PDB file of N, CA and C in Angstrom:
ATOM      1  N   UNK A   1      36.404   1.632   4.150  1.00  0.00           N
ATOM      2  CA  UNK A   1      35.255   2.091   3.501  1.00  0.00           C
ATOM      3  C   UNK A   1      34.116   1.608   4.329  1.00  0.00           C
ATOM      4  N   UNK A   2      32.901   2.426   4.577  1.00  0.00           N
ATOM      5  CA  UNK A   2      31.980   2.674   5.261  1.00  0.00           C
ATOM      6  C   UNK A   2      30.400   2.285   4.469  1.00  0.00           C
ATOM      7  N   UNK A   3      29.992   1.029   4.750  1.00  0.00           N
ATOM      8  CA  UNK A   3      28.709   0.920   3.551  1.00  0.00           C
ATOM      9  C   UNK A   3      27.671   2.161   4.554  1.00  0.00           C
ATOM     10  N   UNK A   4      26.673   2.519   4.054  1.00  0.00           N
ATOM     11  CA  UNK A   4      25.343   3.066   4.533  1.00  0.00           C
ATOM     12  C   UNK A   4      24.472   2.176   4.117  1.00  0.00           C
ATOM     13  N   UNK A   5      23.878   1.908   5.040  1.00  0.00           N
ATOM     14  CA  UNK A   5      22.581   0.644   4.448  1.00  0.00           C
ATOM     15  C   UNK A   5      21.277   1.722   4.298  1.00  0.00           C
ATOM     16  N   UNK A   6      20.098   1.059   3.551  1.00  0.00           N
ATOM     17  CA  UNK A   6      18.867   1.701   3.625  1.00  0.00           C
ATOM     18  C   UNK A   6      18.105   1.823   4.923  1.00  0.00           C
ATOM     19  N   UNK A   7      17.392   2.292   5.508  1.00  0.00           N
ATOM     20  CA  UNK A   7      16.627   1.825   6.618  1.00  0.00           C
ATOM     21  C   UNK A   7      15.722   0.942   6.556  1.00  0.00           C
ATOM     22  N   UNK A   8      15.253   0.023   7.592  1.00  0.00           N
ATOM     23  CA  UNK A   8      14.727  -1.264   7.316  1.00  0.00           C
ATOM     24  C   UNK A   8      13.184  -1.200   6.799  1.00  0.00           C
ATOM     25  N   UNK A   9      12.681   0.087   7.121  1.00  0.00           N
ATOM     26  CA  UNK A   9      11.410   0.342   6.613  1.00  0.00           C
ATOM     27  C   UNK A   9      11.319   0.368   5.031  1.00  0.00           C
ATOM     28  N   UNK A  10      12.588   0.662   4.524  1.00  0.00           N
ATOM     29  CA  UNK A  10      12.674   0.671   2.843  1.00  0.00           C
ATOM     30  C   UNK A  10      12.533  -0.513   2.187  1.00  0.00           C
ATOM     31  N   UNK A  11      12.971  -1.854   3.364  1.00  0.00           N
ATOM     32  CA  UNK A  11      13.217  -3.067   2.719  1.00  0.00           C
ATOM     33  C   UNK A  11      12.044  -3.918   3.075  1.00  0.00           C
ATOM     34  N   UNK A  12      10.967  -3.571   3.607  1.00  0.00           N
ATOM     35  CA  UNK A  12       9.683  -4.351   4.028  1.00  0.00           C
ATOM     36  C   UNK A  12       9.333  -4.593   2.920  1.00  0.00           C
ATOM     37  N   UNK A  13       8.595  -6.009   2.759  1.00  0.00           N
ATOM     38  CA  UNK A  13       7.737  -6.423   1.769  1.00  0.00           C
ATOM     39  C   UNK A  13       6.528  -6.061   1.724  1.00  0.00           C
ATOM     40  N   UNK A  14       6.118  -5.684   0.534  1.00  0.00           N
ATOM     41  CA  UNK A  14       4.579  -4.609   0.561  1.00  0.00           C
ATOM     42  C   UNK A  14       3.625  -5.842   0.493  1.00  0.00           C
ATOM     43  N   UNK A  15       2.644  -5.348   1.300  1.00  0.00           N
ATOM     44  CA  UNK A  15       1.270  -6.381   1.320  1.00  0.00           C
ATOM     45  C   UNK A  15       0.716  -6.715   0.575  1.00  0.00           C
ATOM     46  N   UNK A  16      -0.207  -7.554   0.142  1.00  0.00           N
ATOM     47  CA  UNK A  16      -1.221  -7.834  -0.701  1.00  0.00           C
ATOM     48  C   UNK A  16      -2.196  -8.626  -0.144  1.00  0.00           C
ATOM     49  N   UNK A  17      -3.335  -7.677   0.232  1.00  0.00           N
ATOM     50  CA  UNK A  17      -4.389  -7.934   0.960  1.00  0.00           C
ATOM     51  C   UNK A  17      -5.489  -8.649  -0.075  1.00  0.00           C
ATOM     52  N   UNK A  18      -6.002  -9.525   0.721  1.00  0.00           N
ATOM     53  CA  UNK A  18      -6.625 -10.603   0.220  1.00  0.00           C
ATOM     54  C   UNK A  18      -8.365  -9.970  -0.177  1.00  0.00           C
ATOM     55  N   UNK A  19      -8.929 -10.168  -1.380  1.00  0.00           N
ATOM     56  CA  UNK A  19     -10.183 -10.002  -1.923  1.00  0.00           C
ATOM     57  C   UNK A  19     -10.948 -10.354  -0.835  1.00  0.00           C
ATOM     58  N   UNK A  20     -12.026  -9.565  -0.147  1.00  0.00           N
ATOM     59  CA  UNK A  20     -12.956 -10.270   0.472  1.00  0.00           C
ATOM     60  C   UNK A  20     -14.403  -9.502   0.504  1.00  0.00           C
ATOM     61  N   UNK A  21     -15.174  -9.574  -0.507  1.00  0.00           N
ATOM     62  CA  UNK A  21     -16.385  -8.965  -0.443  1.00  0.00           C
ATOM     63  C   UNK A  21     -17.027  -9.579  -1.605  1.00  0.00           C
ATOM     64  N   UNK A  22     -18.534  -9.104  -1.636  1.00  0.00           N
ATOM     65  CA  UNK A  22     -19.273  -9.443  -2.518  1.00  0.00           C
ATOM     66  C   UNK A  22     -20.045  -8.571  -3.723  1.00  0.00           C
ATOM     67  N   UNK A  23     -19.603  -7.343  -3.631  1.00  0.00           N
ATOM     68  CA  UNK A  23     -19.957  -6.338  -4.292  1.00  0.00           C
ATOM     69  C   UNK A  23     -18.928  -5.853  -5.105  1.00  0.00           C
ATOM     70  N   UNK A  24     -19.480  -4.711  -5.727  1.00  0.00           N
ATOM     71  CA  UNK A  24     -18.659  -4.008  -7.135  1.00  0.00           C
ATOM     72  C   UNK A  24     -18.025  -3.050  -6.423  1.00  0.00           C
ATOM     73  N   UNK A  25     -18.497  -2.101  -4.894  1.00  0.00           N
ATOM     74  CA  UNK A  25     -17.881  -1.264  -4.046  1.00  0.00           C
ATOM     75  C   UNK A  25     -16.784  -1.864  -3.305  1.00  0.00           C
ATOM     76  N   UNK A  26     -17.079  -3.263  -3.101  1.00  0.00           N
ATOM     77  CA  UNK A  26     -16.055  -3.983  -2.555  1.00  0.00           C
ATOM     78  C   UNK A  26     -15.069  -4.300  -3.313  1.00  0.00           C
ATOM     79  N   UNK A  27     -15.027  -4.577  -4.608  1.00  0.00           N
ATOM     80  CA  UNK A  27     -13.860  -4.580  -5.518  1.00  0.00           C
ATOM     81  C   UNK A  27     -13.390  -3.127  -5.999  1.00  0.00           C
ATOM     82  N   UNK A  28     -14.455  -2.282  -6.139  1.00  0.00           N
ATOM     83  CA  UNK A  28     -13.588  -1.049  -6.241  1.00  0.00           C
ATOM     84  C   UNK A  28     -12.588  -0.655  -4.926  1.00  0.00           C
ATOM     85  N   UNK A  29     -13.333  -1.065  -4.077  1.00  0.00           N
ATOM     86  CA  UNK A  29     -12.221  -0.647  -2.506  1.00  0.00           C
ATOM     87  C   UNK A  29     -11.082  -1.559  -2.373  1.00  0.00           C
ATOM     88  N   UNK A  30     -10.968  -2.647  -3.016  1.00  0.00           N
ATOM     89  CA  UNK A  30      -9.870  -3.513  -3.356  1.00  0.00           C
ATOM     90  C   UNK A  30      -8.826  -2.976  -4.283  1.00  0.00           C
ATOM     91  N   UNK A  31      -9.541  -2.632  -5.047  1.00  0.00           N
ATOM     92  CA  UNK A  31      -8.735  -1.741  -6.368  1.00  0.00           C
ATOM     93  C   UNK A  31      -7.819  -0.829  -5.493  1.00  0.00           C
ATOM     94  N   UNK A  32      -8.595   0.091  -4.904  1.00  0.00           N
ATOM     95  CA  UNK A  32      -7.815   1.279  -4.443  1.00  0.00           C
ATOM     96  C   UNK A  32      -6.949   1.188  -3.523  1.00  0.00           C
ATOM     97  N   UNK A  33      -7.095  -0.084  -2.941  1.00  0.00           N
ATOM     98  CA  UNK A  33      -6.139  -0.290  -1.787  1.00  0.00           C
ATOM     99  C   UNK A  33      -5.038  -0.627  -2.758  1.00  0.00           C
ATOM    100  N   UNK A  34      -5.147  -1.464  -3.622  1.00  0.00           N
ATOM    101  CA  UNK A  34      -4.044  -2.120  -4.427  1.00  0.00           C
ATOM    102  C   UNK A  34      -3.119  -0.983  -4.779  1.00  0.00           C
ATOM    103  N   UNK A  35      -4.034   0.087  -5.767  1.00  0.00           N
ATOM    104  CA  UNK A  35      -2.965   0.850  -6.038  1.00  0.00           C
ATOM    105  C   UNK A  35      -2.344   1.876  -5.271  1.00  0.00           C
ATOM    106  N   UNK A  36      -2.858   1.890  -4.038  1.00  0.00           N
ATOM    107  CA  UNK A  36      -2.463   2.466  -3.288  1.00  0.00           C
ATOM    108  C   UNK A  36      -1.295   2.153  -2.543  1.00  0.00           C
ATOM    109  N   UNK A  37      -0.924   0.421  -2.439  1.00  0.00           N
ATOM    110  CA  UNK A  37       0.175  -0.168  -2.208  1.00  0.00           C
ATOM    111  C   UNK A  37       1.274  -0.130  -2.948  1.00  0.00           C
ATOM    112  N   UNK A  38       0.763  -0.287  -4.389  1.00  0.00           N
ATOM    113  CA  UNK A  38       1.549  -0.137  -5.491  1.00  0.00           C
ATOM    114  C   UNK A  38       2.638   1.372  -5.496  1.00  0.00           C
ATOM    115  N   UNK A  39       1.555   2.428  -5.093  1.00  0.00           N
ATOM    116  CA  UNK A  39       2.391   3.833  -5.416  1.00  0.00           C
ATOM    117  C   UNK A  39       3.417   4.001  -4.072  1.00  0.00           C
ATOM    118  N   UNK A  40       3.113   3.005  -2.541  1.00  0.00           N
ATOM    119  CA  UNK A  40       4.026   3.357  -1.628  1.00  0.00           C
ATOM    120  C   UNK A  40       5.323   2.285  -2.171  1.00  0.00           C
ATOM    121  N   UNK A  41       4.903   1.286  -2.528  1.00  0.00           N
ATOM    122  CA  UNK A  41       6.392   0.346  -3.031  1.00  0.00           C
ATOM    123  C   UNK A  41       7.363   0.964  -4.114  1.00  0.00           C
ATOM    124  N   UNK A  42       6.549   1.734  -5.045  1.00  0.00           N
ATOM    125  CA  UNK A  42       7.051   2.446  -5.800  1.00  0.00           C
ATOM    126  C   UNK A  42       8.000   3.459  -5.295  1.00  0.00           C
ATOM    127  N   UNK A  43       7.540   4.467  -4.344  1.00  0.00           N
ATOM    128  CA  UNK A  43       8.217   5.508  -3.633  1.00  0.00           C
ATOM    129  C   UNK A  43       9.292   4.808  -2.840  1.00  0.00           C
ATOM    130  N   UNK A  44       9.063   3.586  -2.390  1.00  0.00           N
ATOM    131  CA  UNK A  44      10.030   2.996  -1.432  1.00  0.00           C
ATOM    132  C   UNK A  44      11.624   2.894  -2.749  1.00  0.00           C
ATOM    133  N   UNK A  45      11.219   2.184  -3.906  1.00  0.00           N
ATOM    134  CA  UNK A  45      12.216   1.528  -4.997  1.00  0.00           C
ATOM    135  C   UNK A  45      12.813   2.886  -5.222  1.00  0.00           C
ATOM    136  N   UNK A  46      12.033   4.038  -5.583  1.00  0.00           N
ATOM    137  CA  UNK A  46      12.578   5.107  -5.952  1.00  0.00           C
ATOM    138  C   UNK A  46      13.902   5.426  -5.054  1.00  0.00           C
ATOM    139  N   UNK A  47      13.418   5.573  -3.755  1.00  0.00           N
ATOM    140  CA  UNK A  47      14.541   6.071  -2.698  1.00  0.00           C
ATOM    141  C   UNK A  47      15.499   5.141  -2.418  1.00  0.00           C
ATOM    142  N   UNK A  48      15.573   3.748  -2.811  1.00  0.00           N
ATOM    143  CA  UNK A  48      16.730   2.872  -2.978  1.00  0.00           C
ATOM    144  C   UNK A  48      17.317   3.132  -3.849  1.00  0.00           C
ATOM    145  N   UNK A  49      16.665   3.433  -5.210  1.00  0.00           N
ATOM    146  CA  UNK A  49      17.534   4.007  -6.503  1.00  0.00           C
ATOM    147  C   UNK A  49      18.516   4.966  -6.413  1.00  0.00           C
ATOM    148  N   UNK A  50      17.798   5.908  -5.487  1.00  0.00           N
ATOM    149  CA  UNK A  50      18.480   7.050  -5.283  1.00  0.00           C
ATOM    150  C   UNK A  50      19.758   7.000  -4.294  1.00  0.00           C
ATOM    151  N   UNK A  51      19.585   6.081  -3.470  1.00  0.00           N
ATOM    152  CA  UNK A  51      20.548   5.709  -2.321  1.00  0.00           C
ATOM    153  C   UNK A  51      21.739   5.304  -2.779  1.00  0.00           C
ATOM    154  N   UNK A  52      21.371   3.858  -4.123  1.00  0.00           N
ATOM    155  CA  UNK A  52      22.454   3.195  -4.688  1.00  0.00           C
ATOM    156  C   UNK A  52      23.088   4.723  -5.621  1.00  0.00           C
ATOM    157  N   UNK A  53      22.095   5.720  -6.453  1.00  0.00           N
ATOM    158  CA  UNK A  53      23.562   6.155  -7.262  1.00  0.00           C
ATOM    159  C   UNK A  53      24.199   7.534  -6.093  1.00  0.00           C
ATOM    160  N   UNK A  54      23.392   7.634  -5.376  1.00  0.00           N
ATOM    161  CA  UNK A  54      24.294   8.684  -4.284  1.00  0.00           C
ATOM    162  C   UNK A  54      25.937   7.540  -3.630  1.00  0.00           C
ATOM    163  N   UNK A  55      25.669   6.450  -3.726  1.00  0.00           N
ATOM    164  CA  UNK A  55      26.867   5.824  -3.310  1.00  0.00           C
ATOM    165  C   UNK A  55      27.267   4.479  -3.836  1.00  0.00           C
ATOM    166  N   UNK A  56      27.211   4.663  -5.077  1.00  0.00           N
ATOM    167  CA  UNK A  56      27.405   3.713  -6.201  1.00  0.00           C
ATOM    168  C   UNK A  56      29.140   4.027  -6.419  1.00  0.00           C
ATOM    169  N   UNK A  57      29.545   5.423  -6.835  1.00  0.00           N
ATOM    170  CA  UNK A  57      30.623   5.782  -7.006  1.00  0.00           C
ATOM    171  C   UNK A  57      31.481   6.334  -6.007  1.00  0.00           C
ATOM    172  N   UNK A  58      31.231   5.749  -4.884  1.00  0.00           N
ATOM    173  CA  UNK A  58      32.050   6.448  -3.580  1.00  0.00           C
ATOM    174  C   UNK A  58      32.984   5.348  -3.125  1.00  0.00           C
ATOM    175  N   UNK A  59      33.180   4.443  -3.937  1.00  0.00           N
ATOM    176  CA  UNK A  59      33.977   3.049  -3.369  1.00  0.00           C
ATOM    177  C   UNK A  59      35.789   3.623  -3.384  1.00  0.00           C
TER     178      UNK A  59
END
């Protein structure tokens, strides 16, 4: 049996940018950045789940 591993970029930890700002616009931009990062992480996790489903019963 040969295992197929997910690509390394799928396993990278997601960053958590620190907040640096003083205005509401800075807070809004930080929030949008966080939402974007969360969407990327969720997309990576969905690809991993699909990979697992494809290989789960290939033993």
